[in-house]
C-alpha atoms as a PDB file:
ATOM      1  CA  MET A   1     -76.032 101.351-139.591  1.00  0.00           C
ATOM      2  CA  ILE A   2     -73.427  98.661-140.042  1.00  0.00           C
ATOM      3  CA  SER A   3     -75.275  97.111-142.957  1.00  0.00           C
ATOM      4  CA  THR A   4     -75.646 100.483-144.735  1.00  0.00           C
ATOM      5  CA  PHE A   5     -71.907 101.167-144.289  1.00  0.00           C
ATOM      6  CA  ALA A   6     -71.007  97.643-145.404  1.00  0.00           C
ATOM      7  CA  GLU A   7     -73.049  97.985-148.621  1.00  0.00           C
ATOM      8  CA  ARG A   8     -70.812 100.895-149.650  1.00  0.00           C
ATOM      9  CA  LEU A   9     -67.539  98.890-149.163  1.00  0.00           C
ATOM     10  CA  PRO A  10     -65.809  97.002-151.957  1.00  0.00           C
ATOM     11  CA  LYS A  11     -66.686  93.315-151.801  1.00  0.00           C
ATOM     12  CA  ARG A  12     -63.196  92.144-150.605  1.00  0.00           C
ATOM     13  CA  VAL A  13     -63.083  94.716-147.804  1.00  0.00           C
ATOM     14  CA  PHE A  14     -66.617  93.806-146.767  1.00  0.00           C
ATOM     15  CA  LEU A  15     -65.746  90.109-146.564  1.00  0.00           C
ATOM     16  CA  LEU A  16     -62.641  90.813-144.466  1.00  0.00           C
ATOM     17  CA  ALA A  17     -64.604  93.068-142.093  1.00  0.00           C
ATOM     18  CA  HIS A  18     -67.281  90.393-141.780  1.00  0.00           C
ATOM     19  CA  VAL A  19     -64.722  87.722-140.855  1.00  0.00           C
ATOM     20  CA  LEU A  20     -63.004  89.892-138.254  1.00  0.00           C
ATOM     21  CA  LEU A  21     -66.263  90.961-136.637  1.00  0.00           C
ATOM     22  CA  ALA A  22     -67.525  87.400-136.571  1.00  0.00           C
ATOM     23  CA  THR A  23     -64.332  86.004-134.992  1.00  0.00           C
ATOM     24  CA  PRO A  24     -63.281  88.196-132.044  1.00  0.00           C
ATOM     25  CA  ALA A  25     -60.701  85.578-130.998  1.00  0.00           C
ATOM     26  CA  ILE A  26     -58.720  86.389-134.145  1.00  0.00           C
ATOM     27  CA  VAL A  27     -58.887  90.101-133.328  1.00  0.00           C
ATOM     28  CA  GLY A  28     -57.611  89.387-129.800  1.00  0.00           C
ATOM     29  CA  LEU A  29     -54.808  87.205-131.106  1.00  0.00           C
ATOM     30  CA  ALA A  30     -53.752  89.846-133.594  1.00  0.00           C
ATOM     31  CA  CYS A  31     -53.374  92.367-130.749  1.00  0.00           C
ATOM     32  CA  GLN A  32     -51.129  90.129-128.618  1.00  0.00           C
ATOM     33  CA  PRO A  33     -47.314  90.564-128.762  1.00  0.00           C
ATOM     34  CA  ALA A  34     -45.286  87.693-130.203  1.00  0.00           C
ATOM     35  CA  VAL A  35     -44.141  85.191-127.542  1.00  0.00           C
ATOM     36  CA  SER A  36     -40.753  83.496-127.902  1.00  0.00           C
ATOM     37  CA  GLN A  37     -40.995  79.755-128.119  1.00  0.00           C
ATOM     38  CA  GLU A  38     -37.463  79.418-126.675  1.00  0.00           C
ATOM     39  CA  ALA A  39     -37.534  78.827-122.901  1.00  0.00           C
ATOM     40  CA  ALA A  40     -35.163  80.822-120.675  1.00  0.00           C
ATOM     41  CA  TYR A  41     -31.861  79.053-120.074  1.00  0.00           C
ATOM     42  CA  GLU A  42     -31.702  77.185-116.770  1.00  0.00           C
ATOM     43  CA  PRO A  43     -28.447  75.415-115.862  1.00  0.00           C
ATOM     44  CA  LYS A  44     -28.688  71.899-114.427  1.00  0.00           C
ATOM     45  CA  SER A  45     -26.498  70.831-111.517  1.00  0.00           C
ATOM     46  CA  GLY A  46     -24.042  68.252-112.815  1.00  0.00           C
ATOM     47  CA  GLN A  47     -24.101  69.446-116.427  1.00  0.00           C
ATOM     48  CA  ALA A  48     -20.877  68.969-118.360  1.00  0.00           C
ATOM     49  CA  GLY A  49     -18.398  71.795-118.724  1.00  0.00           C
ATOM     50  CA  LYS A  50     -15.014  72.273-120.368  1.00  0.00           C
ATOM     51  CA  ASP A  51     -12.887  71.215-117.380  1.00  0.00           C
ATOM     52  CA  VAL A  52     -15.421  70.137-114.749  1.00  0.00           C
ATOM     53  CA  VAL A  53     -19.159  69.569-114.384  1.00  0.00           C
ATOM     54  CA  TRP A  54     -21.114  72.524-113.053  1.00  0.00           C
ATOM     55  CA  VAL A  55     -22.459  72.356-109.504  1.00  0.00           C
ATOM     56  CA  PRO A  56     -23.616  75.542-107.750  1.00  0.00           C
ATOM     57  CA  THR A  57     -21.752  76.647-104.637  1.00  0.00           C
ATOM     58  CA  PRO A  58     -24.168  76.936-101.676  1.00  0.00           C
ATOM     59  CA  GLN A  59     -24.711  80.568-100.747  1.00  0.00           C
ATOM     60  CA  ALA A  60     -23.639  79.869 -97.156  1.00  0.00           C
ATOM     61  CA  LEU A  61     -20.280  78.668 -98.449  1.00  0.00           C
ATOM     62  CA  VAL A  62     -19.938  81.663-100.794  1.00  0.00           C
ATOM     63  CA  ASP A  63     -20.283  83.935 -97.772  1.00  0.00           C
ATOM     64  CA  THR A  64     -17.798  81.855 -95.757  1.00  0.00           C
ATOM     65  CA  MET A  65     -15.236  81.901 -98.596  1.00  0.00           C
ATOM     66  CA  LEU A  66     -15.406  85.681 -98.889  1.00  0.00           C
ATOM     67  CA  ASP A  67     -15.123  86.037 -95.117  1.00  0.00           C
ATOM     68  CA  MET A  68     -12.066  83.757 -95.024  1.00  0.00           C
ATOM     69  CA  ALA A  69     -10.415  85.849 -97.728  1.00  0.00           C
ATOM     70  CA  ASP A  70     -11.227  89.017 -95.781  1.00  0.00           C
ATOM     71  CA  ALA A  71     -12.500  90.412 -99.078  1.00  0.00           C
ATOM     72  CA  LYS A  72     -12.756  94.207 -98.747  1.00  0.00           C
ATOM     73  CA  PRO A  73     -14.598  96.929-100.691  1.00  0.00           C
ATOM     74  CA  GLY A  74     -12.403  98.291-103.451  1.00  0.00           C
ATOM     75  CA  GLU A  75     -10.448  95.058-103.951  1.00  0.00           C
ATOM     76  CA  LYS A  76     -10.620  92.925-107.059  1.00  0.00           C
ATOM     77  CA  LEU A  77     -11.939  89.370-107.023  1.00  0.00           C
ATOM     78  CA  MET A  78     -11.712  86.864-109.875  1.00  0.00           C
ATOM     79  CA  ASP A  79     -13.860  83.725-109.809  1.00  0.00           C
ATOM     80  CA  LEU A  80     -12.531  80.908-111.992  1.00  0.00           C
ATOM     81  CA  GLY A  81     -15.387  78.866-113.424  1.00  0.00           C
ATOM     82  CA  SER A  82     -17.995  81.378-112.274  1.00  0.00           C
ATOM     83  CA  GLY A  83     -21.049  79.304-113.281  1.00  0.00           C
ATOM     84  CA  ASP A  84     -24.274  81.101-112.457  1.00  0.00           C
ATOM     85  CA  GLY A  85     -22.327  84.079-111.129  1.00  0.00           C
ATOM     86  CA  ARG A  86     -23.387  83.963-107.485  1.00  0.00           C
ATOM     87  CA  THR A  87     -19.872  84.370-106.023  1.00  0.00           C
ATOM     88  CA  VAL A  88     -19.116  87.334-108.282  1.00  0.00           C
ATOM     89  CA  ILE A  89     -22.471  88.966-107.570  1.00  0.00           C
ATOM     90  CA  THR A  90     -22.110  88.449-103.801  1.00  0.00           C
ATOM     91  CA  ALA A  91     -18.614  89.999-103.919  1.00  0.00           C
ATOM     92  CA  ALA A  92     -19.943  92.955-105.920  1.00  0.00           C
ATOM     93  CA  LYS A  93     -22.641  93.514-103.302  1.00  0.00           C
ATOM     94  CA  ARG A  94     -19.827  93.733-100.737  1.00  0.00           C
ATOM     95  CA  GLY A  95     -18.220  96.534-102.733  1.00  0.00           C
ATOM     96  CA  LEU A  96     -15.550  94.581-104.599  1.00  0.00           C
ATOM     97  CA  THR A  97     -14.873  94.785-108.307  1.00  0.00           C
ATOM     98  CA  ALA A  98     -15.585  91.192-109.308  1.00  0.00           C
ATOM     99  CA  VAL A  99     -14.909  89.319-112.546  1.00  0.00           C
ATOM    100  CA  GLY A 100     -16.252  85.898-113.453  1.00  0.00           C
ATOM    101  CA  ILE A 101     -14.315  83.703-115.869  1.00  0.00           C
ATOM    102  CA  GLU A 102     -16.601  81.104-117.459  1.00  0.00           C
ATOM    103  CA  TYR A 103     -16.259  79.024-120.634  1.00  0.00           C
ATOM    104  CA  ASN A 104     -19.975  78.293-121.121  1.00  0.00           C
ATOM    105  CA  PRO A 105     -21.516  81.278-122.997  1.00  0.00           C
ATOM    106  CA  ASP A 106     -25.015  80.473-121.736  1.00  0.00           C
ATOM    107  CA  LEU A 107     -23.831  80.722-118.129  1.00  0.00           C
ATOM    108  CA  VAL A 108     -22.042  83.973-118.943  1.00  0.00           C
ATOM    109  CA  GLU A 109     -25.240  85.520-120.325  1.00  0.00           C
ATOM    110  CA  LEU A 110     -27.299  84.172-117.424  1.00  0.00           C
ATOM    111  CA  SER A 111     -24.854  85.728-114.964  1.00  0.00           C
ATOM    112  CA  LYS A 112     -24.978  89.080-116.740  1.00  0.00           C
ATOM    113  CA  ARG A 113     -28.795  89.086-116.565  1.00  0.00           C
ATOM    114  CA  THR A 114     -28.735  88.213-112.885  1.00  0.00           C
ATOM    115  CA  ALA A 115     -26.144  90.897-112.107  1.00  0.00           C
ATOM    116  CA  ALA A 116     -28.346  93.465-113.896  1.00  0.00           C
ATOM    117  CA  ALA A 117     -31.420  92.318-111.973  1.00  0.00           C
ATOM    118  CA  GLU A 118     -29.473  92.624-108.705  1.00  0.00           C
ATOM    119  CA  GLY A 119     -28.258  96.116-109.629  1.00  0.00           C
ATOM    120  CA  VAL A 120     -24.538  95.331-109.598  1.00  0.00           C
ATOM    121  CA  SER A 121     -23.616  95.307-113.302  1.00  0.00           C
ATOM    122  CA  ASP A 122     -21.190  98.156-112.651  1.00  0.00           C
ATOM    123  CA  LYS A 123     -19.122  95.972-110.314  1.00  0.00           C
ATOM    124  CA  ALA A 124     -19.870  92.410-111.492  1.00  0.00           C
ATOM    125  CA  THR A 125     -18.667  91.482-114.980  1.00  0.00           C
ATOM    126  CA  PHE A 126     -18.341  88.159-116.745  1.00  0.00           C
ATOM    127  CA  GLU A 127     -16.043  86.952-119.476  1.00  0.00           C
ATOM    128  CA  LYS A 128     -16.371  83.958-121.746  1.00  0.00           C
ATOM    129  CA  ALA A 129     -12.768  82.725-121.431  1.00  0.00           C
ATOM    130  CA  ASP A 130     -10.474  79.791-120.696  1.00  0.00           C
ATOM    131  CA  LEU A 131      -9.245  80.067-117.118  1.00  0.00           C
ATOM    132  CA  PHE A 132      -5.794  78.727-118.143  1.00  0.00           C
ATOM    133  CA  GLU A 133      -5.391  81.580-120.622  1.00  0.00           C
ATOM    134  CA  THR A 134      -6.629  84.339-118.319  1.00  0.00           C
ATOM    135  CA  ASP A 135      -4.326  86.947-116.748  1.00  0.00           C
ATOM    136  CA  LEU A 136      -4.861  86.690-112.974  1.00  0.00           C
ATOM    137  CA  SER A 137      -2.176  89.165-111.957  1.00  0.00           C
ATOM    138  CA  SER A 138      -4.534  92.002-111.030  1.00  0.00           C
ATOM    139  CA  ALA A 139      -6.608  89.949-108.559  1.00  0.00           C
ATOM    140  CA  ASP A 140      -6.476  90.472-104.822  1.00  0.00           C
ATOM    141  CA  VAL A 141      -8.735  87.464-104.215  1.00  0.00           C
ATOM    142  CA  ILE A 142      -9.269  84.384-106.381  1.00  0.00           C
ATOM    143  CA  THR A 143     -12.127  81.958-105.781  1.00  0.00           C
ATOM    144  CA  LEU A 144     -12.620  78.611-107.457  1.00  0.00           C
ATOM    145  CA  PHE A 145     -14.698  75.436-107.401  1.00  0.00           C
ATOM    146  CA  LEU A 146     -12.680  73.063-109.565  1.00  0.00           C
ATOM    147  CA  LEU A 147     -11.187  69.600-109.183  1.00  0.00           C
ATOM    148  CA  SER A 148      -7.919  69.083-107.297  1.00  0.00           C
ATOM    149  CA  SER A 149      -6.270  68.038-110.576  1.00  0.00           C
ATOM    150  CA  ILE A 150      -7.271  71.357-112.159  1.00  0.00           C
ATOM    151  CA  ASN A 151      -6.130  73.289-109.068  1.00  0.00           C
ATOM    152  CA  GLU A 152      -2.718  71.616-109.313  1.00  0.00           C
ATOM    153  CA  LYS A 153      -2.391  72.658-112.946  1.00  0.00           C
ATOM    154  CA  LEU A 154      -3.192  76.223-111.901  1.00  0.00           C
ATOM    155  CA  ARG A 155      -0.841  76.088-108.905  1.00  0.00           C
ATOM    156  CA  PRO A 156       2.353  77.248-110.704  1.00  0.00           C
ATOM    157  CA  ILE A 157       0.431  80.218-112.145  1.00  0.00           C
ATOM    158  CA  ILE A 158      -0.993  81.078-108.737  1.00  0.00           C
ATOM    159  CA  LEU A 159       2.367  80.808-106.986  1.00  0.00           C
ATOM    160  CA  ASP A 160       3.779  83.376-109.430  1.00  0.00           C
ATOM    161  CA  LEU A 161       1.162  85.958-108.448  1.00  0.00           C
ATOM    162  CA  LYS A 162       2.030  88.838-106.154  1.00  0.00           C
ATOM    163  CA  PRO A 163       2.655  87.815-102.529  1.00  0.00           C
ATOM    164  CA  GLY A 164      -0.445  88.258-100.433  1.00  0.00           C
ATOM    165  CA  THR A 165      -2.928  87.245-103.123  1.00  0.00           C
ATOM    166  CA  ARG A 166      -5.650  85.251-101.351  1.00  0.00           C
ATOM    167  CA  ILE A 167      -7.025  82.025-102.794  1.00  0.00           C
ATOM    168  CA  VAL A 168     -10.184  80.252-101.619  1.00  0.00           C
ATOM    169  CA  SER A 169     -11.398  76.919-102.988  1.00  0.00           C
ATOM    170  CA  ASN A 170     -14.684  75.153-102.537  1.00  0.00           C
ATOM    171  CA  THR A 171     -13.922  71.601-101.355  1.00  0.00           C
ATOM    172  CA  PHE A 172     -10.879  70.778-103.493  1.00  0.00           C
ATOM    173  CA  ASP A 173      -7.243  71.121-102.437  1.00  0.00           C
ATOM    174  CA  MET A 174      -4.008  72.186-104.164  1.00  0.00           C
ATOM    175  CA  GLY A 175      -2.196  68.868-103.916  1.00  0.00           C
ATOM    176  CA  ASP A 176       0.726  69.040-101.467  1.00  0.00           C
ATOM    177  CA  TRP A 177       0.352  72.809-100.953  1.00  0.00           C
ATOM    178  CA  GLU A 178      -1.373  72.706 -97.587  1.00  0.00           C
ATOM    179  CA  PRO A 179      -4.019  75.354 -96.916  1.00  0.00           C
ATOM    180  CA  ASP A 180      -3.414  78.079 -94.354  1.00  0.00           C
ATOM    181  CA  GLU A 181      -6.951  77.591 -93.087  1.00  0.00           C
ATOM    182  CA  THR A 182      -9.905  75.248 -93.577  1.00  0.00           C
ATOM    183  CA  SER A 183     -13.515  75.898 -92.670  1.00  0.00           C
ATOM    184  CA  GLU A 184     -16.669  73.785 -92.837  1.00  0.00           C
ATOM    185  CA  PRO A 185     -19.799  75.872 -92.201  1.00  0.00           C
ATOM    186  CA  VAL A 186     -22.871  74.044 -90.966  1.00  0.00           C
ATOM    187  CA  ASP A 187     -25.797  76.462 -90.971  1.00  0.00           C
ATOM    188  CA  GLY A 188     -27.449  76.735 -94.358  1.00  0.00           C
ATOM    189  CA  CYS A 189     -25.097  74.268 -96.081  1.00  0.00           C
ATOM    190  CA  SER A 190     -25.738  70.565 -96.576  1.00  0.00           C
ATOM    191  CA  SER A 191     -23.282  69.623 -99.332  1.00  0.00           C
ATOM    192  CA  TRP A 192     -20.053  71.004-100.793  1.00  0.00           C
ATOM    193  CA  CYS A 193     -19.488  72.805 -97.489  1.00  0.00           C
ATOM    194  CA  ARG A 194     -15.696  72.925 -97.088  1.00  0.00           C
ATOM    195  CA  ALA A 195     -13.647  76.013 -97.860  1.00  0.00           C
ATOM    196  CA  LEU A 196      -9.840  75.981 -98.128  1.00  0.00           C
ATOM    197  CA  PHE A 197      -7.759  79.160 -97.927  1.00  0.00           C
ATOM    198  CA  TRP A 198      -4.210  80.008 -99.047  1.00  0.00           C
ATOM    199  CA  VAL A 199      -2.115  83.167 -99.177  1.00  0.00           C
ATOM    200  CA  VAL A 200       0.440  83.321-101.981  1.00  0.00           C
ATOM    201  CA  PRO A 201       3.847  83.429-100.233  1.00  0.00           C
ATOM    202  CA  ALA A 202       6.799  85.614-101.146  1.00  0.00           C
ATOM    203  CA  LYS A 203       9.786  83.800-102.663  1.00  0.00           C
ATOM    204  CA  VAL A 204      12.610  83.772-100.137  1.00  0.00           C
ATOM    205  CA  GLU A 205      14.623  80.643-100.838  1.00  0.00           C
ATOM    206  CA  GLY A 206      18.348  81.369-101.055  1.00  0.00           C
ATOM    207  CA  ARG A 207      21.061  83.226 -99.148  1.00  0.00           C
ATOM    208  CA  TRP A 208      20.628  86.545 -97.367  1.00  0.00           C
ATOM    209  CA  ARG A 209      23.029  88.813 -95.499  1.00  0.00           C
ATOM    210  CA  VAL A 210      21.893  89.837 -91.994  1.00  0.00           C
ATOM    211  CA  GLY A 211      24.544  92.129 -90.480  1.00  0.00           C
ATOM    212  CA  ASP A 212      27.692  90.014 -90.262  1.00  0.00           C
ATOM    213  CA  GLN A 213      25.737  86.757 -90.494  1.00  0.00           C
ATOM    214  CA  GLU A 214      24.295  84.763 -93.332  1.00  0.00           C
ATOM    215  CA  LEU A 215      20.667  83.704 -93.395  1.00  0.00           C
ATOM    216  CA  GLU A 216      20.183  80.587 -95.517  1.00  0.00           C
ATOM    217  CA  LEU A 217      16.569  79.756 -96.309  1.00  0.00           C
ATOM    218  CA  SER A 218      14.864  76.751 -97.874  1.00  0.00           C
ATOM    219  CA  GLN A 219      11.214  77.114 -98.812  1.00  0.00           C
ATOM    220  CA  ARG A 220       8.310  74.782 -99.418  1.00  0.00           C
ATOM    221  CA  TYR A 221       5.306  76.946-100.186  1.00  0.00           C
ATOM    222  CA  GLN A 222       4.568  78.919 -96.989  1.00  0.00           C
ATOM    223  CA  LYS A 223       6.953  76.929 -94.790  1.00  0.00           C
ATOM    224  CA  ILE A 224      10.632  77.831 -94.431  1.00  0.00           C
ATOM    225  CA  SER A 225      13.658  76.261 -92.799  1.00  0.00           C
ATOM    226  CA  GLY A 226      17.394  76.958 -92.774  1.00  0.00           C
ATOM    227  CA  LYS A 227      20.071  78.636 -90.653  1.00  0.00           C
ATOM    228  CA  LEU A 228      20.939  82.050 -89.277  1.00  0.00           C
ATOM    229  CA  GLY A 229      24.697  81.842 -88.906  1.00  0.00           C
ATOM    230  CA  SER A 230      25.248  78.439 -87.359  1.00  0.00           C
ATOM    231  CA  ALA A 231      21.854  78.319 -85.612  1.00  0.00           C
ATOM    232  CA  GLU A 232      19.009  76.309 -87.065  1.00  0.00           C
ATOM    233  CA  ILE A 233      15.845  78.287 -87.545  1.00  0.00           C
ATOM    234  CA  THR A 234      12.533  76.820 -86.370  1.00  0.00           C
ATOM    235  CA  ASP A 235       8.847  77.561 -86.816  1.00  0.00           C
ATOM    236  CA  GLY A 236       9.561  79.384 -90.073  1.00  0.00           C
ATOM    237  CA  LYS A 237       6.467  80.709 -91.833  1.00  0.00           C
ATOM    238  CA  LEU A 238       5.362  82.992 -94.624  1.00  0.00           C
ATOM    239  CA  LYS A 239       1.988  84.640 -94.930  1.00  0.00           C
ATOM    240  CA  GLY A 240       2.172  86.552 -98.134  1.00  0.00           C
ATOM    241  CA  ALA A 241       5.078  88.935 -97.732  1.00  0.00           C
ATOM    242  CA  GLU A 242       5.171  88.545 -93.944  1.00  0.00           C
ATOM    243  CA  ILE A 243       7.995  86.290 -92.707  1.00  0.00           C
ATOM    244  CA  SER A 244       8.635  84.918 -89.213  1.00  0.00           C
ATOM    245  CA  PHE A 245      11.079  82.417 -87.714  1.00  0.00           C
ATOM    246  CA  THR A 246      12.943  81.656 -84.488  1.00  0.00           C
ATOM    247  CA  ALA A 247      16.733  81.442 -84.164  1.00  0.00           C
ATOM    248  CA  ASN A 248      18.913  81.351 -81.027  1.00  0.00           C
ATOM    249  CA  GLY A 249      15.770  81.740 -78.957  1.00  0.00           C
ATOM    250  CA  THR A 250      14.784  85.011 -80.696  1.00  0.00           C
ATOM    251  CA  ARG A 251      11.619  85.416 -82.719  1.00  0.00           C
ATOM    252  CA  TYR A 252      12.222  87.368 -85.915  1.00  0.00           C
ATOM    253  CA  THR A 253       9.400  88.931 -87.902  1.00  0.00           C
ATOM    254  CA  GLY A 254       9.627  91.010 -91.051  1.00  0.00           C
ATOM    255  CA  THR A 255       8.276  92.003 -94.436  1.00  0.00           C
ATOM    256  CA  VAL A 256       9.756  90.762 -97.696  1.00  0.00           C
ATOM    257  CA  SER A 257      10.076  93.325-100.482  1.00  0.00           C
ATOM    258  CA  GLY A 258      11.901  91.865-103.463  1.00  0.00           C
ATOM    259  CA  ASN A 259      15.496  91.312-102.423  1.00  0.00           C
ATOM    260  CA  ARG A 260      15.181  92.961 -99.023  1.00  0.00           C
ATOM    261  CA  ILE A 261      13.597  92.008 -95.696  1.00  0.00           C
ATOM    262  CA  GLU A 262      12.944  94.514 -92.926  1.00  0.00           C
ATOM    263  CA  GLY A 263      11.636  93.613 -89.526  1.00  0.00           C
ATOM    264  CA  LYS A 264      12.091  93.301 -85.790  1.00  0.00           C
ATOM    265  CA  GLY A 265      14.020  90.825 -83.655  1.00  0.00           C
ATOM    266  CA  ALA A 266      15.067  90.639 -79.996  1.00  0.00           C
ATOM    267  CA  ALA A 267      13.549  93.377 -77.829  1.00  0.00           C
ATOM    268  CA  SER A 268      11.931  94.769 -81.001  1.00  0.00           C
ATOM    269  CA  ALA A 269      15.333  95.710 -82.352  1.00  0.00           C
ATOM    270  CA  PRO A 270      15.189  96.349 -86.129  1.00  0.00           C
ATOM    271  CA  TRP A 271      16.879  93.939 -88.496  1.00  0.00           C
ATOM    272  CA  THR A 272      17.326  93.858 -92.241  1.00  0.00           C
ATOM    273  CA  ALA A 273      18.413  91.236 -94.733  1.00  0.00           C
ATOM    274  CA  GLU A 274      19.700  91.677 -98.278  1.00  0.00           C
ATOM    275  CA  ARG A 275      19.634  88.842-100.800  1.00  0.00           C
ATOM    276  CA  ILE A 276      23.121  87.631-101.730  1.00  0.00           C
END
């Protein structure tokens, strides 16, 4: 039957049919989809980056950093130098809106694919950007794994953010700005296991009027000193917009809002201060 049909075909068509029938491997190959010769991008720990080499943050430390920051659903997190995206994706799974800032476009695309695979693309986004040129003002929490020298360059920008913004760094400090808290998890983490936490303090340095007295404050990051009237204040602290100090044996606590402080003093009596 095949030979009878073949005799009726034009010679070129017959020859082509003969070759295809005689070489089933070619037929099979023709039916296979094209395979990309380019392997999927896989970052290598220690690879060079714009400001620092890339090293992944252990997942145990990611979880610890978010716990230290008390990162809550509905808040916004920005991860500076987001690498493979794991901090951003973990934050998104906790219900935060999370943004990764990364200069390497391959890492950005890898992070986007991973976020999609994890089902959090609606909350985890990634931008190819320079962290020094990025607006951080909308963040409630900022995470980073950079060198101390880079952190110090960022420090003036961070200190100008709204009071109460929480900062968590993997391993590296902020120079002479001492952390509010340090944690070194053990379980599930064998290297790069230290987290440092800061809260951006309100700016209170200067003179304030408290009733008929003057409150004079000096500030070094979250630590304050000075006088209330003629009495030296001690144990002065800021945690975001929350201020506390002791003067004349009385512990004063309050909340800073621009040029006004409202709080409680002796026997929970209210007190207020206005900037002079």
